[in-house]
Amino acid sequence: MDLKHREIVIPNDEKIDAFLNCKLDRKKYADVLTSIISSYSNGFVLAIDNKWGTGKTTFVKMWNQQLKNQKYQTLYFNAWENDFQEEVMIALLSELEGLRNKGEETFTTLVEKSTTFLKKILPSVVKGVAGKVVGDDAINEVVGAVTEFTVEEVELQMKNYNEKKKGINDFRTALEKFVEKVDEDKPVIFIIDELDRCRPRYAVEVLEQIKHLFSVPGIVFVLSIDKVQLGNAVRGFYGSDLIEADDYLRRFIDLEYSIPEPNKQLMVDYLFQYYNFHEFFSVDHRKRSFPQEEINFKNFANTITRDTNFSLRKMEKLFSLARVALRTTKVEHRLFPDLFLLLIFFKIEEESVFKDICKKKYNVQELIDLVENYVVSSYQNNQEVLVNCIITIALAYHNYLNEGVYPNSTFDIEKDERGEIIKVNYKSKFSDESEHYNLVDGYLNLRSQVTVSKLNLKPILDKILLLNSINT
């Protein structure tokens, strides 16, 4: 059994669908993008803009293979893995070299033309100062040296500028000829992934190089990015939060596309199978004693992950930790899936909240309020499930707070003269607003299923914190 979720296998056989193992039904979006690039083959920059952890990398890798299957010439460049290379031009040319066999002679010409930009010319004014003085003295020397430029030196700088300007045009012309050699009918698709994770300087230089040097007919650049994070990199590069990053990025991006939010239930079903939770729930004793646990686990997993802000990567972490924690659970122990998953949710989404729960920093009412603020939107109209969850965590936390201090502590309820429970002295958003679902109903429902005095948060926290040995 894997602890870490492995990368999804993408078949590299052109006879097999590249999206064969896609679990999120995303092939249809790749088909849309392919139709767009085939309609605008003269070249443009496409940004696939989605948040981190939403599966962009897997999607663009599958799409890349699908394009290859359809005889497109493609390049995939993970910018984050390659930002150790200071010279962006070298990195981009190295990727283009993958198509060198399509036009050996024109690629050689292209490399020759690039030397104009790759020359590291150290200005004489700096060269004369370097290594001799530092600090304020160095500044004074530089300022003094600048005033001593001769006419000949200025003319030399002008000549270098004109040569560089001509070199840019020559490079772009050579690149256009090379791309035409690679494929006369279809554009070259150059996918750049993880640009938003790069060092700010590197990220901005990649954008600048694409815009000024590589933007020629016949190349479609695909930037797989989180535009918000890339905008932060732009601000970091220029050292100012006042930079209008969106306006800046529009200079480089011609078309934006966002992969629609996936059906999270598909991901829940896949991860449930991948981590083999059925193995845990199908043990004979557990299946007989707690027959609803498996379905309750999946239902609550669907509920807790439904929020669009809970990314696919976080879902993987939730299921991975849950599976390890379950291996420390004895077969005769009841799980309480809603409580178990809710606490893991907090550990992944808001670890400070989880730590404060462990440290008993909340009272019961504060914890009820906190739970509702985080998860109430996920329940939509299913108030009964929400109330049952709230009363379960409230009672378990109450017993956890009073463990060893007030052994006979009673949950804060009121009874009538016949001993019937008439009120639970904790407030919920639903306790006084619904005719059918309130905390009294939730308490009575829970009491009919378990011995409430034994319901305690500590064993569940111990599982999540991995304080017990794994059962073999």
Protein backbone atom coordinates (compact mmCIF):
# COMPACT_ATOMS: atom_id res chain seq x y z
CA MET A 1 0.00 0.00 0.00
CA ASP A 2 1.42 3.40 -0.98
CA LEU A 3 1.73 6.18 1.56
CA LYS A 4 2.29 8.80 -1.12
CA HIS A 5 0.02 9.21 -4.10
CA ARG A 6 2.01 8.35 -7.20
CA GLU A 7 1.83 10.27 -10.45
CA ILE A 8 -0.90 9.00 -12.73
CA VAL A 9 0.50 6.90 -15.55
CA ILE A 10 0.10 8.55 -18.95
CA PRO A 11 0.32 6.07 -21.84
CA ASN A 12 2.92 7.12 -24.40
CA ASP A 13 1.48 4.90 -27.11
CA GLU A 14 -0.30 6.91 -29.80
CA LYS A 15 -2.87 4.13 -30.12
CA ILE A 16 -3.94 4.55 -26.48
CA ASP A 17 -5.95 7.49 -25.19
CA ALA A 18 -3.64 9.83 -23.25
CA PHE A 19 -6.50 10.51 -20.81
CA LEU A 20 -7.13 6.81 -20.19
CA ASN A 21 -6.26 7.13 -16.49
CA CYS A 22 -7.76 10.57 -15.92
CA LYS A 23 -10.06 10.37 -12.90
CA LEU A 24 -11.69 13.79 -13.33
CA ASP A 25 -13.28 13.58 -16.79
CA ARG A 26 -11.04 16.33 -18.18
CA LYS A 27 -10.38 15.06 -21.68
CA LYS A 28 -13.19 17.23 -23.02
CA TYR A 29 -11.32 20.36 -21.94
CA ALA A 30 -8.17 19.22 -23.72
CA ASP A 31 -10.26 18.72 -26.87
CA VAL A 32 -11.47 22.32 -26.59
CA LEU A 33 -7.91 23.63 -26.26
CA THR A 34 -6.72 21.54 -29.20
CA SER A 35 -9.48 23.01 -31.37
CA ILE A 36 -8.34 26.51 -30.36
CA ILE A 37 -4.68 26.04 -31.21
CA SER A 38 -5.54 24.37 -34.50
CA SER A 39 -7.67 27.39 -35.42
CA TYR A 40 -4.94 29.93 -34.62
CA SER A 41 -1.80 28.27 -35.86
CA ASN A 42 0.06 31.55 -36.43
CA GLY A 43 1.04 31.52 -32.80
CA PHE A 44 -0.05 33.09 -29.54
CA VAL A 45 0.40 32.71 -25.76
CA LEU A 46 -2.25 30.71 -23.91
CA ALA A 47 -2.41 30.73 -20.11
CA ILE A 48 -4.10 27.88 -18.28
CA ASP A 49 -4.88 29.62 -15.02
CA ASN A 50 -5.88 27.55 -11.98
CA LYS A 51 -4.85 27.55 -8.35
CA TRP A 52 -2.03 25.45 -6.99
CA GLY A 53 -3.01 21.89 -6.21
CA THR A 54 -5.83 21.64 -8.77
CA GLY A 55 -4.13 19.13 -11.05
CA LYS A 56 -2.83 21.47 -13.78
CA THR A 57 0.45 19.63 -14.22
CA THR A 58 -1.24 16.25 -14.69
CA PHE A 59 -3.69 17.82 -17.12
CA VAL A 60 -1.07 19.53 -19.31
CA LYS A 61 1.08 16.39 -19.37
CA MET A 62 -1.91 14.36 -20.57
CA TRP A 63 -2.77 17.03 -23.11
CA ASN A 64 0.85 17.13 -24.25
CA GLN A 65 0.72 13.39 -24.97
CA GLN A 66 -2.65 13.74 -26.68
CA LEU A 67 -1.17 16.41 -28.97
CA LYS A 68 1.75 14.15 -29.79
CA ASN A 69 -0.70 11.38 -30.64
CA GLN A 70 -2.30 13.82 -33.08
CA LYS A 71 1.09 14.52 -34.72
CA TYR A 72 1.72 17.92 -33.14
CA GLN A 73 5.33 18.77 -32.35
CA THR A 74 5.37 19.62 -28.65
CA LEU A 75 7.81 20.63 -25.94
CA TYR A 76 7.22 20.41 -22.19
CA PHE A 77 9.36 22.62 -19.94
CA ASN A 78 9.07 22.57 -16.15
CA ALA A 79 10.38 26.03 -15.34
CA TRP A 80 10.58 25.41 -11.58
CA GLU A 81 12.85 22.39 -12.03
CA ASN A 82 15.12 24.38 -14.33
CA ASP A 83 15.42 27.80 -12.71
CA PHE A 84 18.91 26.87 -11.53
CA GLN A 85 19.98 27.92 -15.04
CA GLU A 86 20.66 31.64 -14.77
CA GLU A 87 20.50 32.29 -18.52
CA VAL A 88 16.89 31.82 -19.62
CA MET A 89 17.87 31.84 -23.30
CA ILE A 90 20.03 28.75 -22.76
CA ALA A 91 17.18 26.90 -21.07
CA LEU A 92 14.64 27.69 -23.81
CA LEU A 93 17.06 26.89 -26.63
CA SER A 94 17.93 23.61 -24.92
CA GLU A 95 14.25 22.66 -25.00
CA LEU A 96 13.99 23.61 -28.68
CA GLU A 97 16.95 21.36 -29.37
CA GLY A 98 14.56 18.48 -28.85
CA LEU A 99 13.23 19.30 -32.34
CA ARG A 100 16.67 19.78 -33.88
CA ASN A 101 16.39 16.71 -36.07
CA LYS A 102 13.47 18.38 -37.87
CA GLY A 103 15.79 21.05 -39.25
CA GLU A 104 19.45 20.60 -38.35
CA GLU A 105 20.81 23.41 -40.51
CA THR A 106 18.22 25.99 -39.50
CA PHE A 107 18.68 25.14 -35.82
CA THR A 108 22.42 25.67 -36.11
CA THR A 109 21.74 29.08 -37.63
CA LEU A 110 19.34 29.84 -34.81
CA VAL A 111 22.01 29.06 -32.20
CA GLU A 112 24.52 31.26 -34.03
CA LYS A 113 22.10 34.17 -34.02
CA SER A 114 21.53 33.77 -30.30
CA THR A 115 25.14 34.57 -29.46
CA THR A 116 24.31 38.28 -29.69
CA PHE A 117 22.34 38.02 -26.47
CA LEU A 118 24.53 35.50 -24.71
CA LYS A 119 27.69 37.65 -24.71
CA LYS A 120 28.32 38.84 -21.19
CA ILE A 121 29.73 42.34 -21.78
CA LEU A 122 31.07 43.87 -18.58
CA PRO A 123 30.97 47.67 -18.93
CA SER A 124 34.43 49.15 -18.74
CA VAL A 125 33.36 51.61 -16.08
CA VAL A 126 32.49 48.74 -13.71
CA LYS A 127 35.39 46.56 -14.81
CA GLY A 128 37.85 49.24 -13.82
CA VAL A 129 36.40 49.53 -10.34
CA ALA A 130 35.61 45.90 -9.54
CA GLY A 131 37.85 44.36 -6.91
CA LYS A 132 39.54 47.64 -5.98
CA VAL A 133 37.18 49.52 -3.71
CA VAL A 134 33.97 48.87 -1.81
CA GLY A 135 31.18 50.78 -0.11
CA ASP A 136 30.85 54.55 -0.53
CA ASP A 137 34.29 54.73 -2.12
CA ALA A 138 33.13 52.34 -4.83
CA ILE A 139 30.08 54.50 -5.54
CA ASN A 140 32.24 57.59 -5.80
CA GLU A 141 34.63 55.82 -8.16
CA VAL A 142 31.76 54.66 -10.39
CA VAL A 143 30.17 58.09 -10.49
CA GLY A 144 33.51 59.64 -11.29
CA ALA A 145 34.23 57.10 -13.95
CA VAL A 146 30.86 57.65 -15.61
CA THR A 147 31.67 61.31 -16.11
CA GLU A 148 34.86 60.33 -17.92
CA PHE A 149 33.20 58.50 -20.86
CA THR A 150 34.83 59.48 -24.10
CA VAL A 151 33.10 60.07 -27.42
CA GLU A 152 34.65 56.86 -28.70
CA GLU A 153 33.21 54.89 -25.78
CA VAL A 154 29.73 56.32 -26.36
CA GLU A 155 29.93 55.45 -30.04
CA LEU A 156 31.04 51.92 -29.14
CA GLN A 157 28.02 51.53 -26.87
CA MET A 158 25.75 52.80 -29.64
CA LYS A 159 27.29 50.30 -32.05
CA ASN A 160 26.74 47.47 -29.57
CA TYR A 161 23.12 48.54 -29.13
CA ASN A 162 22.44 48.60 -32.87
CA GLU A 163 24.12 45.24 -33.32
CA LYS A 164 22.00 43.76 -30.54
CA LYS A 165 18.84 45.25 -32.02
CA LYS A 166 19.68 43.75 -35.42
CA GLY A 167 20.57 40.48 -33.72
CA ILE A 168 17.09 40.25 -32.22
CA ASN A 169 15.50 40.58 -35.65
CA ASP A 170 17.93 38.03 -37.12
CA PHE A 171 17.20 35.59 -34.29
CA ARG A 172 13.44 35.87 -34.71
CA THR A 173 13.78 35.37 -38.46
CA ALA A 174 15.94 32.27 -37.90
CA LEU A 175 13.46 30.95 -35.33
CA GLU A 176 10.55 31.41 -37.72
CA LYS A 177 12.39 29.48 -40.43
CA PHE A 178 13.25 26.70 -37.99
CA VAL A 179 9.63 26.37 -36.82
CA GLU A 180 8.47 26.20 -40.42
CA LYS A 181 10.93 23.37 -41.02
CA VAL A 182 9.64 21.51 -37.97
CA ASP A 183 6.06 21.47 -39.27
CA GLU A 184 4.60 23.42 -42.16
CA ASP A 185 0.97 22.67 -41.29
CA LYS A 186 0.73 22.71 -37.50
CA PRO A 187 2.15 25.01 -34.83
CA VAL A 188 4.83 23.91 -32.40
CA ILE A 189 3.27 23.70 -28.93
CA PHE A 190 5.69 24.88 -26.21
CA ILE A 191 4.24 24.12 -22.76
CA ILE A 192 5.83 25.95 -19.82
CA ASP A 193 4.71 24.58 -16.46
CA GLU A 194 5.24 25.73 -12.85
CA LEU A 195 6.42 29.23 -13.85
CA ASP A 196 4.59 30.67 -10.84
CA ARG A 197 6.84 28.69 -8.46
CA CYS A 198 10.10 30.08 -9.85
CA ARG A 199 12.32 32.78 -8.41
CA PRO A 200 10.75 36.14 -9.31
CA ARG A 201 13.64 37.21 -11.54
CA TYR A 202 13.63 33.93 -13.46
CA ALA A 203 9.85 33.98 -13.92
CA VAL A 204 9.87 37.53 -15.29
CA GLU A 205 12.82 36.81 -17.59
CA VAL A 206 11.01 33.80 -19.08
CA LEU A 207 8.02 36.02 -19.85
CA GLU A 208 10.25 38.72 -21.35
CA GLN A 209 12.14 36.23 -23.52
CA ILE A 210 8.91 34.70 -24.81
CA LYS A 211 7.52 38.12 -25.66
CA HIS A 212 10.55 39.74 -27.26
CA LEU A 213 12.52 36.84 -28.73
CA PHE A 214 10.38 33.73 -29.17
CA SER A 215 7.03 35.20 -30.19
CA VAL A 216 6.98 34.28 -33.87
CA PRO A 217 4.38 32.73 -36.18
CA GLY A 218 4.16 28.97 -35.78
CA ILE A 219 4.72 28.71 -31.99
CA VAL A 220 1.95 28.47 -29.43
CA PHE A 221 3.20 28.96 -25.88
CA VAL A 222 1.07 27.39 -23.15
CA LEU A 223 1.71 28.75 -19.66
CA SER A 224 0.35 26.50 -16.92
CA ILE A 225 0.11 28.94 -14.03
CA ASP A 226 -1.66 30.26 -10.98
CA LYS A 227 -1.94 33.87 -12.12
CA VAL A 228 -2.26 35.19 -8.57
CA GLN A 229 1.03 33.57 -7.57
CA LEU A 230 2.73 34.67 -10.78
CA GLY A 231 1.50 38.19 -10.06
CA ASN A 232 3.18 37.95 -6.65
CA ALA A 233 6.42 36.97 -8.39
CA VAL A 234 6.12 40.05 -10.63
CA ARG A 235 5.65 42.29 -7.60
CA GLY A 236 8.59 40.60 -5.90
CA PHE A 237 10.80 41.20 -8.91
CA TYR A 238 9.98 44.91 -9.06
CA GLY A 239 10.01 45.23 -5.29
CA SER A 240 6.62 46.90 -5.02
CA ASP A 241 3.11 45.82 -4.03
CA LEU A 242 1.79 48.74 -6.08
CA ILE A 243 2.60 47.06 -9.40
CA GLU A 244 -0.59 46.24 -11.35
CA ALA A 245 0.38 42.62 -11.93
CA ASP A 246 -2.74 41.79 -13.98
CA ASP A 247 -2.05 44.62 -16.40
CA TYR A 248 1.58 43.56 -16.60
CA LEU A 249 0.70 39.94 -17.40
CA ARG A 250 -1.79 40.96 -20.09
CA ARG A 251 1.18 42.19 -22.11
CA PHE A 252 2.36 38.60 -22.41
CA ILE A 253 -0.83 36.52 -22.41
CA ASP A 254 -3.17 36.54 -25.41
CA LEU A 255 -5.79 34.08 -24.17
CA GLU A 256 -6.68 32.80 -20.69
CA TYR A 257 -8.38 29.51 -19.91
CA SER A 258 -9.37 27.94 -16.60
CA ILE A 259 -10.02 24.24 -16.26
CA PRO A 260 -13.52 23.98 -14.69
CA GLU A 261 -13.76 22.72 -11.13
CA PRO A 262 -13.85 18.92 -11.10
CA ASN A 263 -16.56 16.78 -9.63
CA LYS A 264 -14.94 16.15 -6.26
CA GLN A 265 -16.95 12.96 -5.80
CA LEU A 266 -14.99 11.41 -8.66
CA MET A 267 -11.78 12.19 -6.78
CA VAL A 268 -13.16 10.83 -3.51
CA ASP A 269 -14.14 7.56 -5.21
CA TYR A 270 -10.71 7.31 -6.82
CA LEU A 271 -8.73 8.02 -3.64
CA PHE A 272 -10.94 5.67 -1.62
CA GLN A 273 -10.02 2.93 -4.07
CA TYR A 274 -6.37 3.96 -4.48
CA TYR A 275 -5.66 3.79 -0.74
CA ASN A 276 -7.79 0.65 -0.37
CA PHE A 277 -10.04 1.86 2.45
CA HIS A 278 -12.39 -1.00 1.68
CA GLU A 279 -9.79 -3.34 3.18
CA PHE A 280 -10.23 -1.60 6.54
CA PHE A 281 -14.01 -1.44 6.51
CA SER A 282 -14.62 -4.95 5.17
CA VAL A 283 -13.07 -6.85 8.09
CA ASP A 284 -15.78 -9.23 9.33
CA HIS A 285 -15.99 -7.99 12.91
CA ARG A 286 -16.10 -4.32 11.87
CA LYS A 287 -18.60 -4.99 9.11
CA ARG A 288 -20.94 -6.76 11.55
CA SER A 289 -20.56 -4.29 14.42
CA PHE A 290 -20.48 -1.03 12.43
CA PRO A 291 -22.18 -1.80 9.10
CA GLN A 292 -22.70 1.86 8.12
CA GLU A 293 -19.14 3.09 8.67
CA GLU A 294 -17.91 2.66 5.11
CA ILE A 295 -20.80 4.51 3.50
CA ASN A 296 -20.70 7.18 6.22
CA PHE A 297 -16.99 7.64 5.64
CA LYS A 298 -17.44 8.20 1.89
CA ASN A 299 -20.45 10.46 2.38
CA PHE A 300 -18.67 12.63 4.90
CA ALA A 301 -15.53 12.72 2.75
CA ASN A 302 -17.67 14.04 -0.09
CA THR A 303 -19.16 16.64 2.22
CA ILE A 304 -15.95 17.86 3.80
CA THR A 305 -14.07 18.19 0.48
CA ARG A 306 -16.90 19.75 -1.51
CA ASP A 307 -15.70 23.31 -0.94
CA THR A 308 -13.87 24.56 -4.05
CA ASN A 309 -11.03 25.94 -1.90
CA PHE A 310 -10.11 22.44 -0.75
CA SER A 311 -7.73 21.48 -3.54
CA LEU A 312 -7.08 18.08 -5.09
CA ARG A 313 -3.63 18.04 -3.49
CA LYS A 314 -5.18 18.61 -0.07
CA MET A 315 -7.62 15.80 -0.77
CA GLU A 316 -4.67 13.49 -1.43
CA LYS A 317 -3.12 14.50 1.89
CA LEU A 318 -6.39 13.98 3.74
CA PHE A 319 -6.86 10.46 2.37
CA SER A 320 -3.21 9.55 2.86
CA LEU A 321 -3.17 10.59 6.52
CA ALA A 322 -6.58 8.99 7.11
CA ARG A 323 -5.36 5.66 5.73
CA VAL A 324 -2.23 5.61 7.90
CA ALA A 325 -4.25 6.61 10.97
CA LEU A 326 -6.75 3.81 10.34
CA ARG A 327 -3.95 1.28 10.43
CA THR A 328 -3.52 2.14 14.11
CA THR A 329 -7.23 1.43 14.80
CA LYS A 330 -8.18 -1.86 16.36
CA VAL A 331 -10.96 -3.79 14.70
CA GLU A 332 -13.28 -3.56 17.70
CA HIS A 333 -13.03 0.22 17.97
CA ARG A 334 -15.77 2.40 16.51
CA LEU A 335 -14.44 5.03 14.11
CA PHE A 336 -16.93 7.95 14.07
CA PRO A 337 -16.07 8.91 10.44
CA ASP A 338 -17.47 12.46 10.66
CA LEU A 339 -15.39 13.31 13.71
CA PHE A 340 -12.30 11.55 12.36
CA LEU A 341 -12.38 13.27 8.97
CA LEU A 342 -13.34 16.66 10.38
CA LEU A 343 -10.25 16.67 12.62
CA ILE A 344 -8.00 15.66 9.71
CA PHE A 345 -9.61 18.41 7.67
CA PHE A 346 -8.56 20.94 10.32
CA LYS A 347 -5.05 19.48 10.52
CA ILE A 348 -4.57 20.00 6.78
CA GLU A 349 -6.59 23.17 6.20
CA GLU A 350 -6.04 25.03 9.49
CA GLU A 351 -3.30 23.34 11.51
CA SER A 352 -3.33 26.06 14.18
CA VAL A 353 -6.99 25.24 14.88
CA PHE A 354 -6.17 21.54 15.12
CA LYS A 355 -3.34 22.24 17.57
CA ASP A 356 -5.60 24.43 19.70
CA ILE A 357 -8.18 21.63 19.81
CA CYS A 358 -5.47 19.25 21.02
CA LYS A 359 -4.42 21.79 23.66
CA LYS A 360 -8.03 22.27 24.85
CA LYS A 361 -7.93 26.01 24.15
CA TYR A 362 -11.60 26.23 23.17
CA ASN A 363 -14.67 25.72 25.25
CA VAL A 364 -17.46 23.56 23.78
CA GLN A 365 -19.49 26.47 22.41
CA GLU A 366 -16.42 28.02 20.76
CA LEU A 367 -15.68 24.72 19.03
CA ILE A 368 -19.29 24.43 17.80
CA ASP A 369 -19.07 27.95 16.36
CA LEU A 370 -15.75 27.19 14.73
CA VAL A 371 -16.97 23.97 13.11
CA GLU A 372 -20.04 25.69 11.71
CA ASN A 373 -18.00 28.59 10.31
CA TYR A 374 -15.77 26.20 8.40
CA VAL A 375 -18.09 23.49 7.17
CA VAL A 376 -21.68 24.72 7.25
CA SER A 377 -21.58 25.73 3.56
CA SER A 378 -20.55 22.20 2.59
CA TYR A 379 -23.77 20.72 3.93
CA GLN A 380 -26.10 22.90 1.91
CA ASN A 381 -29.59 21.67 2.85
CA ASN A 382 -28.55 18.54 4.72
CA GLN A 383 -29.03 20.01 8.19
CA GLU A 384 -29.60 16.68 9.90
CA VAL A 385 -26.14 15.42 9.01
CA LEU A 386 -24.61 18.70 10.12
CA VAL A 387 -26.37 18.71 13.48
CA ASN A 388 -25.39 15.09 14.12
CA CYS A 389 -21.78 16.00 13.35
CA ILE A 390 -21.90 19.05 15.62
CA ILE A 391 -23.38 17.18 18.58
CA THR A 392 -20.86 14.36 18.14
CA ILE A 393 -17.84 16.65 18.22
CA ALA A 394 -19.35 18.75 21.01
CA LEU A 395 -19.88 15.73 23.25
CA ALA A 396 -16.52 14.14 22.39
CA TYR A 397 -14.75 17.44 23.08
CA HIS A 398 -16.70 17.93 26.33
CA ASN A 399 -15.50 14.54 27.56
CA TYR A 400 -11.96 15.31 26.36
CA LEU A 401 -11.93 18.61 28.31
CA ASN A 402 -13.16 16.99 31.51
CA GLU A 403 -11.20 13.77 31.33
CA GLY A 404 -9.46 13.09 34.65
CA VAL A 405 -10.81 16.33 36.13
CA TYR A 406 -14.54 15.82 36.52
CA PRO A 407 -15.08 12.08 36.14
CA ASN A 408 -18.83 12.42 36.60
CA SER A 409 -19.18 15.59 34.53
CA THR A 410 -22.52 15.71 32.71
CA PHE A 411 -23.03 17.11 29.24
CA ASP A 412 -24.90 20.41 29.54
CA ILE A 413 -28.49 19.29 29.05
CA GLU A 414 -31.80 19.99 30.78
CA LYS A 415 -34.49 17.44 31.60
CA ASP A 416 -38.14 17.72 32.58
CA GLU A 417 -39.70 16.18 35.70
CA ARG A 418 -40.04 12.84 33.91
CA GLY A 419 -36.33 12.81 33.03
CA GLU A 420 -36.89 13.56 29.36
CA ILE A 421 -34.26 15.74 27.70
CA ILE A 422 -35.85 19.06 26.73
CA LYS A 423 -32.84 21.26 26.01
CA VAL A 424 -29.17 21.17 25.09
CA ASN A 425 -27.51 24.28 26.46
CA TYR A 426 -25.30 24.90 23.45
CA LYS A 427 -26.27 27.03 20.49
CA SER A 428 -26.10 26.02 16.86
CA LYS A 429 -27.14 27.93 13.79
CA PHE A 430 -29.89 25.34 13.46
CA SER A 431 -30.83 24.70 17.08
CA ASP A 432 -33.59 27.29 17.27
CA GLU A 433 -34.38 27.85 13.60
CA SER A 434 -35.62 24.45 12.46
CA GLU A 435 -38.78 22.57 13.32
CA HIS A 436 -37.15 19.18 12.91
CA TYR A 437 -33.38 19.38 13.36
CA ASN A 438 -31.94 20.77 16.59
CA LEU A 439 -29.34 19.79 19.14
CA VAL A 440 -31.82 17.83 21.24
CA ASP A 441 -32.64 15.66 18.23
CA GLY A 442 -28.93 15.27 17.51
CA TYR A 443 -28.18 14.29 21.10
CA LEU A 444 -31.00 11.74 21.22
CA ASN A 445 -29.92 10.30 17.88
CA LEU A 446 -26.32 9.94 19.06
CA ARG A 447 -27.38 8.43 22.41
CA SER A 448 -29.38 5.78 20.61
CA GLN A 449 -26.24 4.63 18.82
CA VAL A 450 -23.42 4.88 21.38
CA THR A 451 -22.74 5.16 25.08
CA VAL A 452 -22.20 8.90 25.16
CA SER A 453 -20.15 8.87 28.36
CA LYS A 454 -17.46 6.87 26.54
CA LEU A 455 -17.29 9.14 23.50
CA ASN A 456 -13.99 10.98 23.77
CA LEU A 457 -11.86 12.98 21.40
CA LYS A 458 -8.52 11.76 22.74
CA PRO A 459 -8.38 8.32 21.07
CA ILE A 460 -9.26 9.90 17.74
CA LEU A 461 -6.61 12.59 18.14
CA ASP A 462 -4.08 9.90 19.06
CA LYS A 463 -4.84 8.11 15.80
CA ILE A 464 -4.39 11.28 13.71
CA LEU A 465 -1.20 12.22 15.57
CA LEU A 466 0.06 8.66 14.93
CA LEU A 467 0.75 8.02 18.60
CA ASN A 468 -0.16 4.34 18.35
CA SER A 469 1.64 1.54 16.56
CA ILE A 470 0.36 0.27 13.23
CA ASN A 471 -1.59 -2.95 13.49
CA THR A 472 -0.03 -5.74 11.45
